[in-house]
Amino acid sequence: MSLQLNKEQLKQIKQQLTDTQKESHLVIFKSVSPKSGGEIHMITNYGTFETLQKQRPELKMEIVRDIVPVTDSLAYWAVAQDTASHLQPNDPNAAEVALQVEQYTNDVLADNKLPQNK
């Protein structure tokens, strides 16, 4: 089940993201595991990034892109992320939605010329 947005929906979501960025901008941050040294890039708003840093001081986290540009990829990521946040743990679509979040995260990373998550 691939995410499908028509031009009007895409335009509307991008406008919502632009409006949201005025209140709390989105960032891309890199998190490095102290045990494995593995790293992952994630997208979140700045306030959530600060909270994560305080809650997980053992992880090395740094912002690699401040104020993420609003693109089609970011709009698709936002829809997939929103869908994932509303799923019940036993939802049969959970695995597929997780893959969509991963795919659109990588698309946003590519837009920002950052390494994709593996």
N, C-alpha and C. Protein backbone atom coordinates (compact mmCIF):
# COMPACT_ATOMS: atom_id res chain seq x y z
N MET A 1 0.85 -1.17 0.00
CA MET A 1 0.00 0.00 0.00
C MET A 1 0.90 1.24 0.00
N SER A 2 1.12 1.78 -1.15
CA SER A 2 1.96 2.96 -1.29
C SER A 2 1.15 4.21 -0.96
N LEU A 3 1.80 5.16 -0.38
CA LEU A 3 1.15 6.40 -0.02
C LEU A 3 0.86 7.21 -1.28
N GLN A 4 -0.38 7.60 -1.44
CA GLN A 4 -0.78 8.37 -2.61
C GLN A 4 -1.36 9.71 -2.16
N LEU A 5 -0.79 10.77 -2.65
CA LEU A 5 -1.31 12.11 -2.38
C LEU A 5 -1.52 12.82 -3.71
N ASN A 6 -2.68 13.46 -3.86
CA ASN A 6 -2.87 14.23 -5.09
C ASN A 6 -2.22 15.60 -4.92
N LYS A 7 -2.18 16.37 -6.00
CA LYS A 7 -1.47 17.66 -5.97
C LYS A 7 -2.02 18.59 -4.90
N GLU A 8 -3.34 18.61 -4.75
CA GLU A 8 -3.96 19.50 -3.77
C GLU A 8 -3.61 19.06 -2.34
N GLN A 9 -3.65 17.77 -2.07
CA GLN A 9 -3.28 17.27 -0.75
C GLN A 9 -1.82 17.59 -0.44
N LEU A 10 -0.97 17.37 -1.42
CA LEU A 10 0.46 17.65 -1.26
C LEU A 10 0.69 19.13 -0.95
N LYS A 11 0.02 19.97 -1.69
CA LYS A 11 0.14 21.42 -1.48
C LYS A 11 -0.34 21.79 -0.07
N GLN A 12 -1.44 21.22 0.36
CA GLN A 12 -2.01 21.51 1.67
C GLN A 12 -1.07 21.04 2.80
N ILE A 13 -0.51 19.86 2.66
CA ILE A 13 0.40 19.33 3.69
C ILE A 13 1.67 20.18 3.75
N LYS A 14 2.19 20.58 2.59
CA LYS A 14 3.39 21.42 2.58
C LYS A 14 3.11 22.77 3.24
N GLN A 15 1.91 23.30 3.04
CA GLN A 15 1.56 24.57 3.67
C GLN A 15 1.47 24.39 5.19
N GLN A 16 0.88 23.27 5.63
CA GLN A 16 0.80 22.99 7.07
C GLN A 16 2.20 22.87 7.68
N LEU A 17 3.10 22.20 6.96
CA LEU A 17 4.48 22.06 7.45
C LEU A 17 5.17 23.42 7.53
N THR A 18 4.95 24.25 6.53
CA THR A 18 5.53 25.60 6.53
C THR A 18 5.02 26.39 7.72
N ASP A 19 3.71 26.29 7.99
CA ASP A 19 3.13 27.00 9.13
C ASP A 19 3.67 26.45 10.45
N THR A 20 3.81 25.14 10.55
CA THR A 20 4.31 24.49 11.75
C THR A 20 5.76 24.89 12.02
N GLN A 21 6.55 25.02 10.95
CA GLN A 21 7.96 25.39 11.10
C GLN A 21 8.12 26.76 11.78
N LYS A 22 7.11 27.61 11.67
CA LYS A 22 7.19 28.93 12.30
C LYS A 22 7.13 28.83 13.82
N GLU A 23 6.48 27.77 14.32
CA GLU A 23 6.33 27.57 15.76
C GLU A 23 7.49 26.74 16.32
N SER A 24 7.77 25.62 15.69
CA SER A 24 8.84 24.72 16.15
C SER A 24 9.42 24.04 14.92
N HIS A 25 10.59 24.47 14.51
CA HIS A 25 11.15 23.98 13.25
C HIS A 25 11.62 22.54 13.34
N LEU A 26 11.60 21.88 12.19
CA LEU A 26 12.07 20.51 12.09
C LEU A 26 13.58 20.48 11.89
N VAL A 27 14.19 19.46 12.47
CA VAL A 27 15.63 19.27 12.34
C VAL A 27 15.89 17.82 11.94
N ILE A 28 17.05 17.59 11.34
CA ILE A 28 17.54 16.23 11.13
C ILE A 28 18.72 16.09 12.07
N PHE A 29 18.68 15.03 12.87
CA PHE A 29 19.80 14.81 13.77
C PHE A 29 20.36 13.41 13.59
N LYS A 30 21.61 13.29 13.98
CA LYS A 30 22.32 12.02 13.91
C LYS A 30 22.49 11.53 15.34
N SER A 31 22.18 10.25 15.54
CA SER A 31 22.36 9.63 16.84
C SER A 31 23.34 8.47 16.67
N VAL A 32 24.32 8.41 17.54
CA VAL A 32 25.35 7.37 17.48
C VAL A 32 25.24 6.50 18.73
N SER A 33 25.12 5.20 18.51
CA SER A 33 25.06 4.25 19.62
C SER A 33 26.44 4.11 20.26
N PRO A 34 26.51 4.26 21.59
CA PRO A 34 27.82 4.15 22.25
C PRO A 34 28.39 2.73 22.20
N LYS A 35 27.52 1.73 22.11
CA LYS A 35 27.98 0.34 22.11
C LYS A 35 28.46 -0.10 20.73
N SER A 36 27.62 0.09 19.73
CA SER A 36 27.96 -0.43 18.39
C SER A 36 28.66 0.60 17.52
N GLY A 37 28.50 1.87 17.84
CA GLY A 37 29.03 2.92 16.98
C GLY A 37 28.16 3.18 15.77
N GLY A 38 27.07 2.42 15.67
CA GLY A 38 26.14 2.61 14.55
C GLY A 38 25.43 3.94 14.67
N GLU A 39 25.13 4.52 13.52
CA GLU A 39 24.44 5.80 13.55
C GLU A 39 23.17 5.75 12.73
N ILE A 40 22.24 6.60 13.14
CA ILE A 40 20.97 6.72 12.43
C ILE A 40 20.60 8.19 12.39
N HIS A 41 20.00 8.60 11.29
CA HIS A 41 19.50 9.97 11.16
C HIS A 41 17.99 9.96 11.37
N MET A 42 17.50 10.94 12.09
CA MET A 42 16.07 11.05 12.35
C MET A 42 15.62 12.49 12.17
N ILE A 43 14.32 12.62 11.94
CA ILE A 43 13.70 13.94 11.74
C ILE A 43 12.74 14.16 12.89
N THR A 44 12.79 15.33 13.49
CA THR A 44 11.85 15.67 14.55
C THR A 44 11.84 17.19 14.70
N ASN A 45 10.98 17.68 15.57
CA ASN A 45 11.01 19.12 15.82
C ASN A 45 12.08 19.41 16.87
N TYR A 46 12.50 20.65 16.94
CA TYR A 46 13.61 21.02 17.79
C TYR A 46 13.34 20.71 19.26
N GLY A 47 12.12 20.97 19.72
CA GLY A 47 11.77 20.71 21.12
C GLY A 47 11.90 19.23 21.47
N THR A 48 11.47 18.36 20.60
CA THR A 48 11.59 16.92 20.83
C THR A 48 13.05 16.51 20.84
N PHE A 49 13.86 17.09 19.96
CA PHE A 49 15.29 16.80 19.95
C PHE A 49 15.90 17.13 21.31
N GLU A 50 15.59 18.30 21.85
CA GLU A 50 16.13 18.69 23.15
C GLU A 50 15.69 17.73 24.25
N THR A 51 14.44 17.30 24.21
CA THR A 51 13.92 16.35 25.19
C THR A 51 14.65 15.02 25.08
N LEU A 52 14.84 14.53 23.87
CA LEU A 52 15.57 13.27 23.67
C LEU A 52 16.99 13.35 24.21
N GLN A 53 17.65 14.48 23.98
CA GLN A 53 19.01 14.64 24.48
C GLN A 53 19.05 14.52 26.00
N LYS A 54 18.06 15.10 26.67
CA LYS A 54 18.02 15.05 28.14
C LYS A 54 17.68 13.65 28.63
N GLN A 55 16.77 12.97 27.91
CA GLN A 55 16.33 11.63 28.34
C GLN A 55 17.36 10.55 28.05
N ARG A 56 18.17 10.73 27.03
CA ARG A 56 19.13 9.71 26.61
C ARG A 56 20.54 10.28 26.54
N PRO A 57 21.09 10.72 27.67
CA PRO A 57 22.42 11.35 27.65
C PRO A 57 23.55 10.41 27.20
N GLU A 58 23.29 9.10 27.26
CA GLU A 58 24.32 8.15 26.83
C GLU A 58 24.49 8.12 25.31
N LEU A 59 23.50 8.62 24.58
CA LEU A 59 23.60 8.65 23.12
C LEU A 59 24.21 9.97 22.67
N LYS A 60 25.08 9.89 21.71
CA LYS A 60 25.65 11.11 21.13
C LYS A 60 24.68 11.55 20.03
N MET A 61 24.07 12.71 20.22
CA MET A 61 23.11 13.24 19.25
C MET A 61 23.55 14.63 18.83
N GLU A 62 23.52 14.85 17.53
CA GLU A 62 23.86 16.18 17.04
C GLU A 62 22.99 16.52 15.83
N ILE A 63 22.59 17.77 15.77
CA ILE A 63 21.79 18.25 14.64
C ILE A 63 22.71 18.37 13.43
N VAL A 64 22.30 17.77 12.33
CA VAL A 64 23.08 17.85 11.09
C VAL A 64 22.39 18.72 10.05
N ARG A 65 21.11 19.02 10.24
CA ARG A 65 20.41 19.95 9.35
C ARG A 65 19.36 20.66 10.19
N ASP A 66 19.59 21.94 10.40
CA ASP A 66 18.66 22.76 11.17
C ASP A 66 17.69 23.42 10.18
N ILE A 67 16.44 23.42 10.54
CA ILE A 67 15.36 23.97 9.71
C ILE A 67 15.32 23.23 8.36
N VAL A 68 14.70 22.07 8.39
CA VAL A 68 14.59 21.21 7.22
C VAL A 68 13.68 21.87 6.19
N PRO A 69 14.13 22.00 4.93
CA PRO A 69 13.29 22.60 3.90
C PRO A 69 12.04 21.76 3.64
N VAL A 70 10.94 22.44 3.38
CA VAL A 70 9.68 21.76 3.10
C VAL A 70 9.69 21.32 1.64
N THR A 71 9.71 20.02 1.44
CA THR A 71 9.74 19.42 0.11
C THR A 71 8.61 18.39 0.00
N ASP A 72 8.42 17.85 -1.20
CA ASP A 72 7.45 16.77 -1.38
C ASP A 72 7.82 15.59 -0.48
N SER A 73 9.09 15.26 -0.42
CA SER A 73 9.53 14.14 0.41
C SER A 73 9.19 14.36 1.88
N LEU A 74 9.37 15.58 2.36
CA LEU A 74 9.05 15.89 3.75
C LEU A 74 7.55 15.75 3.99
N ALA A 75 6.75 16.15 3.02
CA ALA A 75 5.30 16.01 3.15
C ALA A 75 4.90 14.54 3.26
N TYR A 76 5.47 13.70 2.41
CA TYR A 76 5.18 12.27 2.47
C TYR A 76 5.67 11.68 3.80
N TRP A 77 6.84 12.10 4.25
CA TRP A 77 7.35 11.65 5.55
C TRP A 77 6.37 12.02 6.66
N ALA A 78 5.87 13.25 6.64
CA ALA A 78 4.95 13.72 7.68
C ALA A 78 3.67 12.87 7.71
N VAL A 79 3.14 12.55 6.55
CA VAL A 79 1.92 11.73 6.50
C VAL A 79 2.21 10.33 7.03
N ALA A 80 3.31 9.74 6.60
CA ALA A 80 3.67 8.39 7.07
C ALA A 80 3.92 8.40 8.58
N GLN A 81 4.62 9.41 9.06
CA GLN A 81 4.92 9.52 10.49
C GLN A 81 3.62 9.69 11.29
N ASP A 82 2.72 10.52 10.79
CA ASP A 82 1.43 10.74 11.46
C ASP A 82 0.63 9.43 11.49
N THR A 83 0.63 8.72 10.37
CA THR A 83 -0.08 7.43 10.31
C THR A 83 0.49 6.47 11.34
N ALA A 84 1.81 6.39 11.42
CA ALA A 84 2.46 5.49 12.37
C ALA A 84 2.11 5.84 13.81
N SER A 85 2.00 7.12 14.09
CA SER A 85 1.73 7.54 15.47
C SER A 85 0.32 7.20 15.93
N HIS A 86 -0.58 6.92 14.98
CA HIS A 86 -1.97 6.60 15.33
C HIS A 86 -2.29 5.12 15.26
N LEU A 87 -1.30 4.29 14.92
CA LEU A 87 -1.55 2.85 14.82
C LEU A 87 -1.59 2.19 16.19
N GLN A 88 -2.42 1.18 16.31
CA GLN A 88 -2.42 0.35 17.50
C GLN A 88 -1.27 -0.65 17.39
N PRO A 89 -0.70 -1.10 18.49
CA PRO A 89 0.46 -2.01 18.44
C PRO A 89 0.23 -3.28 17.62
N ASN A 90 -0.98 -3.79 17.61
CA ASN A 90 -1.26 -5.04 16.89
C ASN A 90 -1.87 -4.81 15.51
N ASP A 91 -1.79 -3.59 15.02
CA ASP A 91 -2.36 -3.28 13.70
C ASP A 91 -1.62 -4.07 12.62
N PRO A 92 -2.35 -4.76 11.73
CA PRO A 92 -1.70 -5.55 10.69
C PRO A 92 -0.91 -4.71 9.68
N ASN A 93 -1.15 -3.41 9.63
CA ASN A 93 -0.43 -2.54 8.71
C ASN A 93 0.81 -1.91 9.33
N ALA A 94 1.10 -2.22 10.58
CA ALA A 94 2.20 -1.56 11.30
C ALA A 94 3.55 -1.75 10.59
N ALA A 95 3.84 -2.95 10.14
CA ALA A 95 5.14 -3.20 9.50
C ALA A 95 5.26 -2.41 8.20
N GLU A 96 4.19 -2.36 7.44
CA GLU A 96 4.22 -1.63 6.17
C GLU A 96 4.38 -0.13 6.40
N VAL A 97 3.67 0.39 7.39
CA VAL A 97 3.78 1.82 7.71
C VAL A 97 5.19 2.14 8.19
N ALA A 98 5.79 1.26 8.98
CA ALA A 98 7.17 1.46 9.45
C ALA A 98 8.13 1.53 8.26
N LEU A 99 7.91 0.68 7.27
CA LEU A 99 8.75 0.71 6.06
C LEU A 99 8.56 2.01 5.29
N GLN A 100 7.32 2.52 5.27
CA GLN A 100 7.07 3.81 4.60
C GLN A 100 7.78 4.94 5.31
N VAL A 101 7.73 4.95 6.64
CA VAL A 101 8.43 5.98 7.40
C VAL A 101 9.92 5.93 7.08
N GLU A 102 10.46 4.72 7.05
CA GLU A 102 11.88 4.55 6.74
C GLU A 102 12.20 5.04 5.32
N GLN A 103 11.36 4.68 4.37
CA GLN A 103 11.58 5.10 2.97
C GLN A 103 11.53 6.62 2.84
N TYR A 104 10.51 7.24 3.43
CA TYR A 104 10.38 8.69 3.28
C TYR A 104 11.43 9.44 4.10
N THR A 105 11.88 8.87 5.22
CA THR A 105 13.00 9.46 5.96
C THR A 105 14.23 9.48 5.06
N ASN A 106 14.49 8.37 4.39
CA ASN A 106 15.65 8.30 3.49
C ASN A 106 15.50 9.27 2.32
N ASP A 107 14.28 9.47 1.84
CA ASP A 107 14.05 10.44 0.76
C ASP A 107 14.38 11.86 1.24
N VAL A 108 13.98 12.19 2.47
CA VAL A 108 14.29 13.51 3.03
C VAL A 108 15.80 13.65 3.22
N LEU A 109 16.45 12.59 3.69
CA LEU A 109 17.90 12.63 3.85
C LEU A 109 18.58 12.88 2.50
N ALA A 110 18.10 12.20 1.46
CA ALA A 110 18.67 12.38 0.12
C ALA A 110 18.47 13.82 -0.36
N ASP A 111 17.27 14.37 -0.12
CA ASP A 111 17.00 15.77 -0.49
C ASP A 111 17.99 16.71 0.16
N ASN A 112 18.43 16.35 1.38
CA ASN A 112 19.34 17.20 2.15
C ASN A 112 20.80 16.78 2.03
N LYS A 113 21.05 15.90 1.04
CA LYS A 113 22.41 15.45 0.75
C LYS A 113 23.11 14.85 1.96
N LEU A 114 22.35 14.04 2.70
CA LEU A 114 22.88 13.34 3.87
C LEU A 114 22.84 11.84 3.60
N PRO A 115 23.71 11.08 4.28
CA PRO A 115 23.70 9.62 4.08
C PRO A 115 22.37 9.02 4.53
N GLN A 116 21.91 8.04 3.76
CA GLN A 116 20.65 7.38 4.09
C GLN A 116 20.86 6.36 5.20
N ASN A 117 19.80 6.11 5.96
CA ASN A 117 19.83 5.07 6.98
C ASN A 117 19.82 3.72 6.31
N LYS A 118 20.52 2.77 6.91
CA LYS A 118 20.58 1.43 6.32
C LYS A 118 19.69 0.49 7.08
